[in-house]
Amino acid sequence: DLAELDLSNCGLIDSFDSKGFLGSREKLEMLHLTGNNLTRVPDNLYRLHLRTLDLGSNNIKTSMTDSLLDVFPGLNRYSGRDAQGSDLATRVLERLDLSHNKITGSLPSNVFSSAWGVDRLSVLDVSHNEIIGTFPHVFASLRLFSIDASNNRLSGYLHNSLTILQSLHLLDVRNNRLRECNSTGTDCSDQLVMVTGKTAIDQPEAICKTVEAQNLPHAQ
């Protein structure tokens, strides 16, 4: 059975029927929908047992909360949405790419907690959108390896609770409006990059790293 499907740059629009087209593909684990003309997350993707979902470089204009709820419906109690637990196949999702869209709103404060059913999520890319607000501060012991929220409009500071993410190796928030690394008021520039090197974060101060110190390229 088909395990990976690449529908990138196929001119797909919102009328794309993911349920009708993909509903019988129970073995599908990786779905690439990059570079299409989608303005929202296609319906019924949450019924697929995907491990990788790539929706980058589309024209998605929904809020961050709505975009996430379209991938993880019914898992957040305050969402007002309800889905049967057996239908929530995206519980196994490991990689989610929503980058290079026009997603607005803020990242829910508890998006990295069990409320969203992202227990297996390891890579999240929401870079190059129009996300505002502060970076989430409620964390569970997830297996997140990489979070890219660069090139948005995030402000405020990164909370010290980030230290609970023991598996986190990369947190990129370049080109936002973040000016503090923690509640003590450490000053940082607009070119701030939050990176943990090859080891997990174990000190709040280790969250604050500059591009130059890590010899990382600037975002294009």
C-alpha atoms as a PDB file:
ATOM      1  CA  ASP A   1       0.000   0.000   0.000  1.00  0.00           C
ATOM      2  CA  LEU A   2       1.032   3.596  -0.617  1.00  0.00           C
ATOM      3  CA  ALA A   3       2.975   5.041   2.334  1.00  0.00           C
ATOM      4  CA  GLU A   4       3.990   8.433   0.904  1.00  0.00           C
ATOM      5  CA  LEU A   5       2.086  10.721  -1.452  1.00  0.00           C
ATOM      6  CA  ASP A   6       3.450  13.937  -2.941  1.00  0.00           C
ATOM      7  CA  LEU A   7       0.795  16.284  -4.332  1.00  0.00           C
ATOM      8  CA  SER A   8       3.016  19.359  -4.219  1.00  0.00           C
ATOM      9  CA  ASN A   9       2.539  22.062  -6.854  1.00  0.00           C
ATOM     10  CA  CYS A  10      -0.562  20.415  -8.298  1.00  0.00           C
ATOM     11  CA  GLY A  11      -2.765  23.506  -8.206  1.00  0.00           C
ATOM     12  CA  LEU A  12      -5.031  22.049  -5.514  1.00  0.00           C
ATOM     13  CA  ILE A  13      -7.741  24.365  -4.182  1.00  0.00           C
ATOM     14  CA  ASP A  14     -10.122  24.210  -1.207  1.00  0.00           C
ATOM     15  CA  SER A  15     -12.551  21.908  -3.058  1.00  0.00           C
ATOM     16  CA  PHE A  16      -9.923  19.170  -2.805  1.00  0.00           C
ATOM     17  CA  ASP A  17     -11.764  16.234  -1.221  1.00  0.00           C
ATOM     18  CA  SER A  18      -9.170  14.608   0.988  1.00  0.00           C
ATOM     19  CA  LYS A  19     -11.692  12.120   2.372  1.00  0.00           C
ATOM     20  CA  GLY A  20     -12.851  10.968  -1.036  1.00  0.00           C
ATOM     21  CA  PHE A  21      -9.373  10.920  -2.536  1.00  0.00           C
ATOM     22  CA  LEU A  22      -7.427   9.567   0.407  1.00  0.00           C
ATOM     23  CA  GLY A  23     -10.052   7.950   2.616  1.00  0.00           C
ATOM     24  CA  SER A  24      -9.183   4.381   1.700  1.00  0.00           C
ATOM     25  CA  ARG A  25      -5.426   4.795   2.028  1.00  0.00           C
ATOM     26  CA  GLU A  26      -5.015   3.449   5.547  1.00  0.00           C
ATOM     27  CA  LYS A  27      -1.272   2.892   5.149  1.00  0.00           C
ATOM     28  CA  LEU A  28      -0.519   6.471   4.074  1.00  0.00           C
ATOM     29  CA  GLU A  29       1.989   8.002   6.506  1.00  0.00           C
ATOM     30  CA  MET A  30       3.449  10.995   4.644  1.00  0.00           C
ATOM     31  CA  LEU A  31       1.396  13.556   2.742  1.00  0.00           C
ATOM     32  CA  HIS A  32       2.973  16.529   0.958  1.00  0.00           C
ATOM     33  CA  LEU A  33       0.641  19.317  -0.164  1.00  0.00           C
ATOM     34  CA  THR A  34       3.271  22.022  -0.572  1.00  0.00           C
ATOM     35  CA  GLY A  35       2.920  24.836  -3.083  1.00  0.00           C
ATOM     36  CA  ASN A  36      -0.787  24.579  -3.840  1.00  0.00           C
ATOM     37  CA  ASN A  37      -3.597  27.146  -3.602  1.00  0.00           C
ATOM     38  CA  LEU A  38      -5.217  26.009  -0.366  1.00  0.00           C
ATOM     39  CA  THR A  39      -6.631  28.780   1.841  1.00  0.00           C
ATOM     40  CA  ARG A  40      -7.393  26.400   4.729  1.00  0.00           C
ATOM     41  CA  VAL A  41      -6.424  22.965   5.961  1.00  0.00           C
ATOM     42  CA  PRO A  42      -8.323  20.381   3.862  1.00  0.00           C
ATOM     43  CA  ASP A  43     -11.232  18.673   5.580  1.00  0.00           C
ATOM     44  CA  ASN A  44     -10.890  15.232   7.137  1.00  0.00           C
ATOM     45  CA  LEU A  45      -7.090  15.082   7.184  1.00  0.00           C
ATOM     46  CA  TYR A  46      -7.391  14.171  10.858  1.00  0.00           C
ATOM     47  CA  ARG A  47      -8.831  10.806   9.778  1.00  0.00           C
ATOM     48  CA  LEU A  48      -5.530   9.794   8.207  1.00  0.00           C
ATOM     49  CA  HIS A  49      -2.839   8.050  10.254  1.00  0.00           C
ATOM     50  CA  LEU A  50      -0.205  10.487   9.035  1.00  0.00           C
ATOM     51  CA  ARG A  51       3.229  10.824  10.542  1.00  0.00           C
ATOM     52  CA  THR A  52       4.211  13.708   8.254  1.00  0.00           C
ATOM     53  CA  LEU A  53       1.878  16.443   7.006  1.00  0.00           C
ATOM     54  CA  ASP A  54       3.335  19.204   4.834  1.00  0.00           C
ATOM     55  CA  LEU A  55       1.073  22.161   4.067  1.00  0.00           C
ATOM     56  CA  GLY A  56       3.844  24.699   3.490  1.00  0.00           C
ATOM     57  CA  SER A  57       3.784  27.399   0.809  1.00  0.00           C
ATOM     58  CA  ASN A  58       0.046  27.559   0.322  1.00  0.00           C
ATOM     59  CA  ASN A  59      -2.285  30.496   0.940  1.00  0.00           C
ATOM     60  CA  ILE A  60      -3.822  29.370   4.240  1.00  0.00           C
ATOM     61  CA  LYS A  61      -5.471  32.391   5.866  1.00  0.00           C
ATOM     62  CA  THR A  62      -7.226  30.895   8.876  1.00  0.00           C
ATOM     63  CA  SER A  63      -6.167  31.609  12.445  1.00  0.00           C
ATOM     64  CA  MET A  64      -3.450  29.552  14.092  1.00  0.00           C
ATOM     65  CA  THR A  65      -5.997  27.989  16.446  1.00  0.00           C
ATOM     66  CA  ASP A  66      -8.361  27.034  13.625  1.00  0.00           C
ATOM     67  CA  SER A  67      -5.518  25.632  11.535  1.00  0.00           C
ATOM     68  CA  LEU A  68      -4.412  23.425  14.417  1.00  0.00           C
ATOM     69  CA  LEU A  69      -7.966  22.359  15.190  1.00  0.00           C
ATOM     70  CA  ASP A  70      -8.364  21.246  11.588  1.00  0.00           C
ATOM     71  CA  VAL A  71      -5.439  18.900  12.179  1.00  0.00           C
ATOM     72  CA  PHE A  72      -6.252  17.962  15.794  1.00  0.00           C
ATOM     73  CA  PRO A  73     -10.059  18.427  16.127  1.00  0.00           C
ATOM     74  CA  GLY A  74     -11.878  17.647  19.328  1.00  0.00           C
ATOM     75  CA  LEU A  75      -8.723  17.372  21.421  1.00  0.00           C
ATOM     76  CA  ASN A  76      -8.915  20.813  22.945  1.00  0.00           C
ATOM     77  CA  ARG A  77     -11.795  21.065  25.377  1.00  0.00           C
ATOM     78  CA  TYR A  78     -12.371  24.780  24.924  1.00  0.00           C
ATOM     79  CA  SER A  79     -12.534  24.511  21.144  1.00  0.00           C
ATOM     80  CA  GLY A  80     -16.234  23.793  21.022  1.00  0.00           C
ATOM     81  CA  ARG A  81     -15.576  21.066  18.480  1.00  0.00           C
ATOM     82  CA  ASP A  82     -16.204  17.409  19.036  1.00  0.00           C
ATOM     83  CA  ALA A  83     -14.815  14.408  17.205  1.00  0.00           C
ATOM     84  CA  GLN A  84     -14.912  10.757  18.118  1.00  0.00           C
ATOM     85  CA  GLY A  85     -11.653   9.546  19.630  1.00  0.00           C
ATOM     86  CA  SER A  86     -11.429   6.731  17.122  1.00  0.00           C
ATOM     87  CA  ASP A  87     -11.358   9.293  14.312  1.00  0.00           C
ATOM     88  CA  LEU A  88      -8.416  11.227  15.695  1.00  0.00           C
ATOM     89  CA  ALA A  89      -5.804   9.453  13.622  1.00  0.00           C
ATOM     90  CA  THR A  90      -3.484  12.465  13.767  1.00  0.00           C
ATOM     91  CA  ARG A  91      -2.566  11.515  17.321  1.00  0.00           C
ATOM     92  CA  VAL A  92       0.399   9.771  15.674  1.00  0.00           C
ATOM     93  CA  LEU A  93       1.520  12.872  13.741  1.00  0.00           C
ATOM     94  CA  GLU A  94       5.251  13.515  14.154  1.00  0.00           C
ATOM     95  CA  ARG A  95       5.988  16.310  11.663  1.00  0.00           C
ATOM     96  CA  LEU A  96       3.711  19.244  10.849  1.00  0.00           C
ATOM     97  CA  ASP A  97       4.688  21.979   8.390  1.00  0.00           C
ATOM     98  CA  LEU A  98       2.439  25.046   8.112  1.00  0.00           C
ATOM     99  CA  SER A  99       5.193  27.410   7.022  1.00  0.00           C
ATOM    100  CA  HIS A 100       5.011  30.096   4.332  1.00  0.00           C
ATOM    101  CA  ASN A 101       1.291  30.749   4.582  1.00  0.00           C
ATOM    102  CA  LYS A 102      -0.805  33.682   5.812  1.00  0.00           C
ATOM    103  CA  ILE A 103      -1.900  32.182   9.111  1.00  0.00           C
ATOM    104  CA  THR A 104      -2.957  34.802  11.657  1.00  0.00           C
ATOM    105  CA  GLY A 105      -3.758  34.911  15.361  1.00  0.00           C
ATOM    106  CA  SER A 106      -1.648  33.565  18.173  1.00  0.00           C
ATOM    107  CA  LEU A 107      -0.253  30.195  19.177  1.00  0.00           C
ATOM    108  CA  PRO A 108      -2.569  28.779  21.878  1.00  0.00           C
ATOM    109  CA  SER A 109      -0.814  28.905  25.234  1.00  0.00           C
ATOM    110  CA  ASN A 110      -1.335  25.177  25.757  1.00  0.00           C
ATOM    111  CA  VAL A 111      -0.545  24.012  22.220  1.00  0.00           C
ATOM    112  CA  PHE A 112       2.402  21.974  23.480  1.00  0.00           C
ATOM    113  CA  SER A 113       0.386  20.180  26.136  1.00  0.00           C
ATOM    114  CA  SER A 114      -1.625  16.960  26.097  1.00  0.00           C
ATOM    115  CA  ALA A 115      -4.820  18.987  25.529  1.00  0.00           C
ATOM    116  CA  TRP A 116      -4.001  19.018  21.832  1.00  0.00           C
ATOM    117  CA  GLY A 117      -3.029  15.362  21.550  1.00  0.00           C
ATOM    118  CA  VAL A 118       0.400  16.106  20.120  1.00  0.00           C
ATOM    119  CA  ASP A 119       2.154  13.472  22.181  1.00  0.00           C
ATOM    120  CA  ARG A 120       4.269  12.248  19.267  1.00  0.00           C
ATOM    121  CA  LEU A 121       4.906  15.565  17.558  1.00  0.00           C
ATOM    122  CA  SER A 122       8.650  16.108  17.132  1.00  0.00           C
ATOM    123  CA  VAL A 123       8.951  18.760  14.397  1.00  0.00           C
ATOM    124  CA  LEU A 124       6.709  21.825  14.074  1.00  0.00           C
ATOM    125  CA  ASP A 125       7.270  24.536  11.463  1.00  0.00           C
ATOM    126  CA  VAL A 126       4.988  27.578  11.536  1.00  0.00           C
ATOM    127  CA  SER A 127       7.569  30.017  10.190  1.00  0.00           C
ATOM    128  CA  HIS A 128       6.840  32.787   7.690  1.00  0.00           C
ATOM    129  CA  ASN A 129       3.269  33.476   8.727  1.00  0.00           C
ATOM    130  CA  GLU A 130       1.518  36.384  10.460  1.00  0.00           C
ATOM    131  CA  ILE A 131       1.343  34.922  13.972  1.00  0.00           C
ATOM    132  CA  ILE A 132       1.144  37.421  16.829  1.00  0.00           C
ATOM    133  CA  GLY A 133       1.125  37.277  20.610  1.00  0.00           C
ATOM    134  CA  THR A 134       3.579  35.624  22.964  1.00  0.00           C
ATOM    135  CA  PHE A 135       5.260  32.259  22.690  1.00  0.00           C
ATOM    136  CA  PRO A 136       3.363  29.458  24.512  1.00  0.00           C
ATOM    137  CA  HIS A 137       4.308  28.887  28.130  1.00  0.00           C
ATOM    138  CA  VAL A 138       2.426  25.689  29.008  1.00  0.00           C
ATOM    139  CA  PHE A 139       4.476  22.601  28.230  1.00  0.00           C
ATOM    140  CA  ALA A 140       4.186  18.869  28.773  1.00  0.00           C
ATOM    141  CA  SER A 141       7.029  16.403  28.503  1.00  0.00           C
ATOM    142  CA  LEU A 142       6.726  16.117  24.748  1.00  0.00           C
ATOM    143  CA  ARG A 143       9.254  14.693  22.341  1.00  0.00           C
ATOM    144  CA  LEU A 144       9.648  17.937  20.404  1.00  0.00           C
ATOM    145  CA  PHE A 145      12.982  18.093  18.618  1.00  0.00           C
ATOM    146  CA  SER A 146      12.546  21.241  16.519  1.00  0.00           C
ATOM    147  CA  ILE A 147      10.209  24.250  16.623  1.00  0.00           C
ATOM    148  CA  ASP A 148      10.491  26.916  13.932  1.00  0.00           C
ATOM    149  CA  ALA A 149       8.373  30.008  14.550  1.00  0.00           C
ATOM    150  CA  SER A 150      10.701  32.442  12.797  1.00  0.00           C
ATOM    151  CA  ASN A 151       9.528  35.337  10.637  1.00  0.00           C
ATOM    152  CA  ASN A 152       6.284  36.051  12.432  1.00  0.00           C
ATOM    153  CA  ARG A 153       5.157  38.850  14.777  1.00  0.00           C
ATOM    154  CA  LEU A 154       5.675  37.198  18.141  1.00  0.00           C
ATOM    155  CA  SER A 155       6.437  39.531  21.040  1.00  0.00           C
ATOM    156  CA  GLY A 156       7.286  39.348  24.728  1.00  0.00           C
ATOM    157  CA  TYR A 157       9.698  36.741  26.054  1.00  0.00           C
ATOM    158  CA  LEU A 158      10.319  33.014  26.176  1.00  0.00           C
ATOM    159  CA  HIS A 159       9.153  31.475  29.418  1.00  0.00           C
ATOM    160  CA  ASN A 160      11.509  29.497  31.624  1.00  0.00           C
ATOM    161  CA  SER A 161       9.123  26.540  31.404  1.00  0.00           C
ATOM    162  CA  LEU A 162      10.811  25.741  28.088  1.00  0.00           C
ATOM    163  CA  THR A 163      13.332  23.861  30.167  1.00  0.00           C
ATOM    164  CA  ILE A 164      10.885  20.982  30.531  1.00  0.00           C
ATOM    165  CA  LEU A 165      11.364  20.119  26.840  1.00  0.00           C
ATOM    166  CA  GLN A 166      14.346  17.863  27.367  1.00  0.00           C
ATOM    167  CA  SER A 167      14.406  16.625  23.764  1.00  0.00           C
ATOM    168  CA  LEU A 168      14.347  20.079  22.172  1.00  0.00           C
ATOM    169  CA  HIS A 169      17.425  20.788  20.036  1.00  0.00           C
ATOM    170  CA  LEU A 170      16.296  23.739  17.946  1.00  0.00           C
ATOM    171  CA  LEU A 171      13.940  26.613  18.685  1.00  0.00           C
ATOM    172  CA  ASP A 172      14.115  29.236  15.956  1.00  0.00           C
ATOM    173  CA  VAL A 173      12.288  32.513  16.544  1.00  0.00           C
ATOM    174  CA  ARG A 174      14.348  34.758  14.323  1.00  0.00           C
ATOM    175  CA  ASN A 175      12.816  37.906  12.908  1.00  0.00           C
ATOM    176  CA  ASN A 176      10.033  38.368  15.429  1.00  0.00           C
ATOM    177  CA  ARG A 177       9.492  41.115  17.988  1.00  0.00           C
ATOM    178  CA  LEU A 178      10.856  39.182  20.953  1.00  0.00           C
ATOM    179  CA  ARG A 179      13.012  41.369  23.169  1.00  0.00           C
ATOM    180  CA  GLU A 180      13.416  39.308  26.312  1.00  0.00           C
ATOM    181  CA  CYS A 181      14.595  35.759  26.919  1.00  0.00           C
ATOM    182  CA  ASN A 182      13.000  35.236  30.289  1.00  0.00           C
ATOM    183  CA  SER A 183      11.087  36.967  33.048  1.00  0.00           C
ATOM    184  CA  THR A 184      14.236  38.537  34.468  1.00  0.00           C
ATOM    185  CA  GLY A 185      14.209  40.988  31.571  1.00  0.00           C
ATOM    186  CA  THR A 186      17.314  39.892  29.677  1.00  0.00           C
ATOM    187  CA  ASP A 187      17.554  42.149  26.650  1.00  0.00           C
ATOM    188  CA  CYS A 188      17.727  40.550  23.194  1.00  0.00           C
ATOM    189  CA  SER A 189      17.655  41.931  19.681  1.00  0.00           C
ATOM    190  CA  ASP A 190      15.107  41.498  16.918  1.00  0.00           C
ATOM    191  CA  GLN A 191      17.502  39.067  15.243  1.00  0.00           C
ATOM    192  CA  LEU A 192      17.260  36.722  18.203  1.00  0.00           C
ATOM    193  CA  VAL A 193      17.621  33.011  17.611  1.00  0.00           C
ATOM    194  CA  MET A 194      16.735  30.569  20.322  1.00  0.00           C
ATOM    195  CA  VAL A 195      18.877  27.524  19.838  1.00  0.00           C
ATOM    196  CA  THR A 196      19.877  24.646  22.031  1.00  0.00           C
ATOM    197  CA  GLY A 197      22.979  23.047  20.648  1.00  0.00           C
ATOM    198  CA  LYS A 198      23.492  19.301  20.722  1.00  0.00           C
ATOM    199  CA  THR A 199      22.199  18.894  24.247  1.00  0.00           C
ATOM    200  CA  ALA A 200      18.921  19.618  25.972  1.00  0.00           C
ATOM    201  CA  ILE A 201      18.207  22.900  27.728  1.00  0.00           C
ATOM    202  CA  ASP A 202      18.979  22.609  31.399  1.00  0.00           C
ATOM    203  CA  GLN A 203      19.454  26.248  32.395  1.00  0.00           C
ATOM    204  CA  PRO A 204      17.059  29.138  31.698  1.00  0.00           C
ATOM    205  CA  GLU A 205      19.994  31.296  30.576  1.00  0.00           C
ATOM    206  CA  ALA A 206      20.861  28.720  27.920  1.00  0.00           C
ATOM    207  CA  ILE A 207      17.676  29.601  26.070  1.00  0.00           C
ATOM    208  CA  CYS A 208      19.157  32.926  24.968  1.00  0.00           C
ATOM    209  CA  LYS A 209      21.610  32.453  22.109  1.00  0.00           C
ATOM    210  CA  THR A 210      22.398  34.839  19.286  1.00  0.00           C
ATOM    211  CA  VAL A 211      22.800  34.048  15.617  1.00  0.00           C
ATOM    212  CA  GLU A 212      26.458  34.965  15.722  1.00  0.00           C
ATOM    213  CA  ALA A 213      27.205  32.760  18.700  1.00  0.00           C
ATOM    214  CA  GLN A 214      25.773  29.732  16.958  1.00  0.00           C
ATOM    215  CA  ASN A 215      27.165  30.593  13.514  1.00  0.00           C
ATOM    216  CA  LEU A 216      23.755  30.140  11.994  1.00  0.00           C
ATOM    217  CA  PRO A 217      22.698  31.771   8.718  1.00  0.00           C
ATOM    218  CA  HIS A 218      20.156  34.568   8.804  1.00  0.00           C
ATOM    219  CA  ALA A 219      16.689  33.747   7.595  1.00  0.00           C
ATOM    220  CA  GLN A 220      16.092  34.654   3.999  1.00  0.00           C
END
